[in-house]
Amino acid sequence: MSTLTKRSTVYLDPVLHKALRLQSIETSRSVSDLINDAIRDELAEDASDLALFDERADEPTMEFETFVKRLKRDGAI
């Protein structure tokens, strides 16, 4: 463990904890490593989503009510 790591208490659903322990055994990786990787993946996905929002910031918007009416008019619903 690196001296730069931080300890934290996390309360897990018992089923998720069991799944993590089993995956840890199967992959020869620590539960901490698995959790850190999952958090990194989730944050990377968030960063990607935010980048897409930025790319589409100048696109025109449509109100939900207008959109639903258009779907009905076009026979989609």
N, C-alpha and C. Protein backbone atom coordinates (compact mmCIF):
# COMPACT_ATOMS: atom_id res chain seq x y z
N MET A 1 0.85 -1.18 0.00
CA MET A 1 0.00 0.00 0.00
C MET A 1 0.89 1.24 0.00
N SER A 2 0.54 2.19 -0.83
CA SER A 2 1.30 3.43 -0.93
C SER A 2 1.07 4.30 0.30
N THR A 3 2.07 5.10 0.64
CA THR A 3 1.91 6.03 1.76
C THR A 3 0.96 7.16 1.38
N LEU A 4 0.62 7.27 0.09
CA LEU A 4 -0.29 8.33 -0.36
C LEU A 4 -1.76 7.90 -0.31
N THR A 5 -2.03 6.65 0.01
CA THR A 5 -3.41 6.18 0.07
C THR A 5 -4.10 6.71 1.31
N LYS A 6 -5.41 6.81 1.23
CA LYS A 6 -6.24 7.27 2.35
C LYS A 6 -7.17 6.15 2.77
N ARG A 7 -7.34 6.01 4.04
CA ARG A 7 -8.25 5.00 4.59
C ARG A 7 -9.63 5.62 4.70
N SER A 8 -10.65 4.80 4.37
CA SER A 8 -12.02 5.27 4.46
C SER A 8 -12.91 4.11 4.88
N THR A 9 -13.93 4.42 5.62
CA THR A 9 -14.91 3.40 5.98
C THR A 9 -16.06 3.48 5.00
N VAL A 10 -16.37 2.36 4.38
CA VAL A 10 -17.46 2.29 3.41
C VAL A 10 -18.37 1.16 3.83
N TYR A 11 -19.66 1.41 3.88
CA TYR A 11 -20.62 0.39 4.25
C TYR A 11 -21.22 -0.18 2.97
N LEU A 12 -21.03 -1.48 2.77
CA LEU A 12 -21.49 -2.15 1.56
C LEU A 12 -22.67 -3.06 1.85
N ASP A 13 -23.52 -3.19 0.86
CA ASP A 13 -24.58 -4.18 0.92
C ASP A 13 -23.89 -5.55 1.07
N PRO A 14 -24.39 -6.41 1.94
CA PRO A 14 -23.73 -7.70 2.17
C PRO A 14 -23.53 -8.53 0.91
N VAL A 15 -24.48 -8.48 0.00
CA VAL A 15 -24.35 -9.25 -1.25
C VAL A 15 -23.23 -8.68 -2.10
N LEU A 16 -23.13 -7.35 -2.17
CA LEU A 16 -22.05 -6.73 -2.94
C LEU A 16 -20.70 -7.02 -2.31
N HIS A 17 -20.65 -7.00 -0.99
CA HIS A 17 -19.39 -7.30 -0.30
C HIS A 17 -18.95 -8.73 -0.60
N LYS A 18 -19.88 -9.67 -0.58
CA LYS A 18 -19.54 -11.06 -0.89
C LYS A 18 -19.04 -11.18 -2.33
N ALA A 19 -19.71 -10.49 -3.24
CA ALA A 19 -19.29 -10.52 -4.65
C ALA A 19 -17.88 -9.95 -4.80
N LEU A 20 -17.60 -8.86 -4.10
CA LEU A 20 -16.26 -8.27 -4.16
C LEU A 20 -15.20 -9.22 -3.61
N ARG A 21 -15.52 -9.87 -2.48
CA ARG A 21 -14.56 -10.82 -1.88
C ARG A 21 -14.29 -11.98 -2.84
N LEU A 22 -15.35 -12.48 -3.48
CA LEU A 22 -15.17 -13.59 -4.43
C LEU A 22 -14.37 -13.15 -5.65
N GLN A 23 -14.68 -11.95 -6.16
CA GLN A 23 -13.91 -11.44 -7.30
C GLN A 23 -12.46 -11.21 -6.91
N SER A 24 -12.24 -10.77 -5.70
CA SER A 24 -10.89 -10.55 -5.20
C SER A 24 -10.09 -11.86 -5.22
N ILE A 25 -10.73 -12.90 -4.76
CA ILE A 25 -10.07 -14.21 -4.74
C ILE A 25 -9.81 -14.71 -6.17
N GLU A 26 -10.83 -14.58 -7.02
CA GLU A 26 -10.71 -15.07 -8.41
C GLU A 26 -9.63 -14.33 -9.19
N THR A 27 -9.46 -13.04 -8.91
CA THR A 27 -8.53 -12.23 -9.71
C THR A 27 -7.19 -11.98 -9.01
N SER A 28 -7.08 -12.48 -7.78
CA SER A 28 -5.87 -12.24 -6.98
C SER A 28 -5.59 -10.75 -6.81
N ARG A 29 -6.65 -9.99 -6.64
CA ARG A 29 -6.53 -8.55 -6.43
C ARG A 29 -7.24 -8.22 -5.13
N SER A 30 -6.82 -7.16 -4.48
CA SER A 30 -7.45 -6.77 -3.22
C SER A 30 -8.81 -6.14 -3.47
N VAL A 31 -9.66 -6.21 -2.47
CA VAL A 31 -10.95 -5.55 -2.54
C VAL A 31 -10.74 -4.05 -2.77
N SER A 32 -9.76 -3.47 -2.12
CA SER A 32 -9.45 -2.04 -2.30
C SER A 32 -9.13 -1.73 -3.76
N ASP A 33 -8.32 -2.57 -4.39
CA ASP A 33 -7.99 -2.36 -5.81
C ASP A 33 -9.25 -2.42 -6.68
N LEU A 34 -10.11 -3.38 -6.40
CA LEU A 34 -11.34 -3.51 -7.18
C LEU A 34 -12.23 -2.28 -7.01
N ILE A 35 -12.36 -1.81 -5.79
CA ILE A 35 -13.19 -0.63 -5.53
C ILE A 35 -12.57 0.61 -6.17
N ASN A 36 -11.26 0.78 -6.04
CA ASN A 36 -10.59 1.93 -6.66
C ASN A 36 -10.79 1.93 -8.17
N ASP A 37 -10.66 0.76 -8.81
CA ASP A 37 -10.86 0.68 -10.26
C ASP A 37 -12.30 1.01 -10.64
N ALA A 38 -13.26 0.52 -9.85
CA ALA A 38 -14.67 0.81 -10.14
C ALA A 38 -14.94 2.31 -10.02
N ILE A 39 -14.37 2.94 -9.02
CA ILE A 39 -14.56 4.39 -8.85
C ILE A 39 -13.91 5.15 -10.00
N ARG A 40 -12.70 4.74 -10.38
CA ARG A 40 -12.03 5.39 -11.52
C ARG A 40 -12.88 5.27 -12.78
N ASP A 41 -13.42 4.07 -13.04
CA ASP A 41 -14.25 3.86 -14.23
C ASP A 41 -15.48 4.76 -14.20
N GLU A 42 -16.11 4.86 -13.04
CA GLU A 42 -17.32 5.68 -12.91
C GLU A 42 -16.99 7.16 -13.13
N LEU A 43 -15.89 7.62 -12.56
CA LEU A 43 -15.49 9.02 -12.74
C LEU A 43 -15.10 9.31 -14.18
N ALA A 44 -14.45 8.35 -14.84
CA ALA A 44 -14.09 8.53 -16.25
C ALA A 44 -15.35 8.62 -17.11
N GLU A 45 -16.36 7.82 -16.79
CA GLU A 45 -17.63 7.90 -17.53
C GLU A 45 -18.30 9.25 -17.30
N ASP A 46 -18.26 9.74 -16.06
CA ASP A 46 -18.82 11.07 -15.76
C ASP A 46 -18.09 12.15 -16.56
N ALA A 47 -16.77 12.06 -16.62
CA ALA A 47 -15.98 13.04 -17.37
C ALA A 47 -16.35 13.00 -18.85
N SER A 48 -16.55 11.80 -19.37
CA SER A 48 -16.94 11.65 -20.77
C SER A 48 -18.32 12.27 -21.01
N ASP A 49 -19.26 12.01 -20.11
CA ASP A 49 -20.60 12.59 -20.23
C ASP A 49 -20.54 14.11 -20.19
N LEU A 50 -19.75 14.66 -19.29
CA LEU A 50 -19.63 16.12 -19.19
C LEU A 50 -19.05 16.71 -20.47
N ALA A 51 -18.08 16.02 -21.06
CA ALA A 51 -17.49 16.49 -22.31
C ALA A 51 -18.54 16.51 -23.43
N LEU A 52 -19.39 15.48 -23.45
CA LEU A 52 -20.46 15.44 -24.46
C LEU A 52 -21.46 16.57 -24.24
N PHE A 53 -21.78 16.87 -22.98
CA PHE A 53 -22.68 17.99 -22.70
C PHE A 53 -22.07 19.29 -23.22
N ASP A 54 -20.77 19.47 -23.00
CA ASP A 54 -20.10 20.68 -23.48
C ASP A 54 -20.16 20.77 -25.00
N GLU A 55 -19.95 19.64 -25.70
CA GLU A 55 -19.98 19.63 -27.16
C GLU A 55 -21.36 20.01 -27.69
N ARG A 56 -22.40 19.67 -26.95
CA ARG A 56 -23.77 19.90 -27.42
C ARG A 56 -24.40 21.15 -26.82
N ALA A 57 -23.63 21.95 -26.12
CA ALA A 57 -24.16 23.11 -25.40
C ALA A 57 -24.88 24.10 -26.32
N ASP A 58 -24.44 24.20 -27.57
CA ASP A 58 -25.02 25.20 -28.47
C ASP A 58 -26.16 24.65 -29.32
N GLU A 59 -26.52 23.39 -29.13
CA GLU A 59 -27.63 22.81 -29.89
C GLU A 59 -28.95 23.39 -29.40
N PRO A 60 -29.91 23.52 -30.31
CA PRO A 60 -31.21 24.03 -29.87
C PRO A 60 -31.89 23.03 -28.93
N THR A 61 -32.70 23.53 -28.04
CA THR A 61 -33.41 22.68 -27.10
C THR A 61 -34.90 22.66 -27.44
N MET A 62 -35.59 21.66 -26.92
CA MET A 62 -37.01 21.55 -27.13
C MET A 62 -37.65 21.16 -25.80
N GLU A 63 -38.75 21.77 -25.46
CA GLU A 63 -39.43 21.42 -24.22
C GLU A 63 -40.05 20.04 -24.35
N PHE A 64 -40.13 19.34 -23.23
CA PHE A 64 -40.63 17.97 -23.21
C PHE A 64 -42.04 17.89 -23.80
N GLU A 65 -42.91 18.82 -23.40
CA GLU A 65 -44.29 18.80 -23.89
C GLU A 65 -44.34 18.90 -25.41
N THR A 66 -43.53 19.76 -25.98
CA THR A 66 -43.45 19.92 -27.43
C THR A 66 -42.96 18.63 -28.07
N PHE A 67 -41.96 18.02 -27.47
CA PHE A 67 -41.39 16.78 -28.00
C PHE A 67 -42.44 15.67 -28.02
N VAL A 68 -43.18 15.53 -26.93
CA VAL A 68 -44.20 14.47 -26.85
C VAL A 68 -45.31 14.73 -27.87
N LYS A 69 -45.72 15.97 -28.01
CA LYS A 69 -46.74 16.30 -29.01
C LYS A 69 -46.26 15.96 -30.42
N ARG A 70 -44.98 16.21 -30.69
CA ARG A 70 -44.43 15.90 -32.00
C ARG A 70 -44.41 14.38 -32.22
N LEU A 71 -44.05 13.62 -31.20
CA LEU A 71 -44.07 12.16 -31.32
C LEU A 71 -45.47 11.67 -31.63
N LYS A 72 -46.47 12.23 -30.96
CA LYS A 72 -47.86 11.83 -31.19
C LYS A 72 -48.29 12.21 -32.61
N ARG A 73 -47.95 13.43 -33.02
CA ARG A 73 -48.31 13.91 -34.36
C ARG A 73 -47.70 13.02 -35.43
N ASP A 74 -46.46 12.57 -35.21
CA ASP A 74 -45.76 11.75 -36.21
C ASP A 74 -46.12 10.27 -36.11
N GLY A 75 -47.01 9.91 -35.17
CA GLY A 75 -47.43 8.52 -35.05
C GLY A 75 -46.46 7.62 -34.33
N ALA A 76 -45.46 8.20 -33.66
CA ALA A 76 -44.47 7.38 -32.94
C ALA A 76 -45.04 6.86 -31.63
N ILE A 77 -46.04 7.56 -31.10
CA ILE A 77 -46.70 7.09 -29.87
C ILE A 77 -48.21 7.19 -30.04
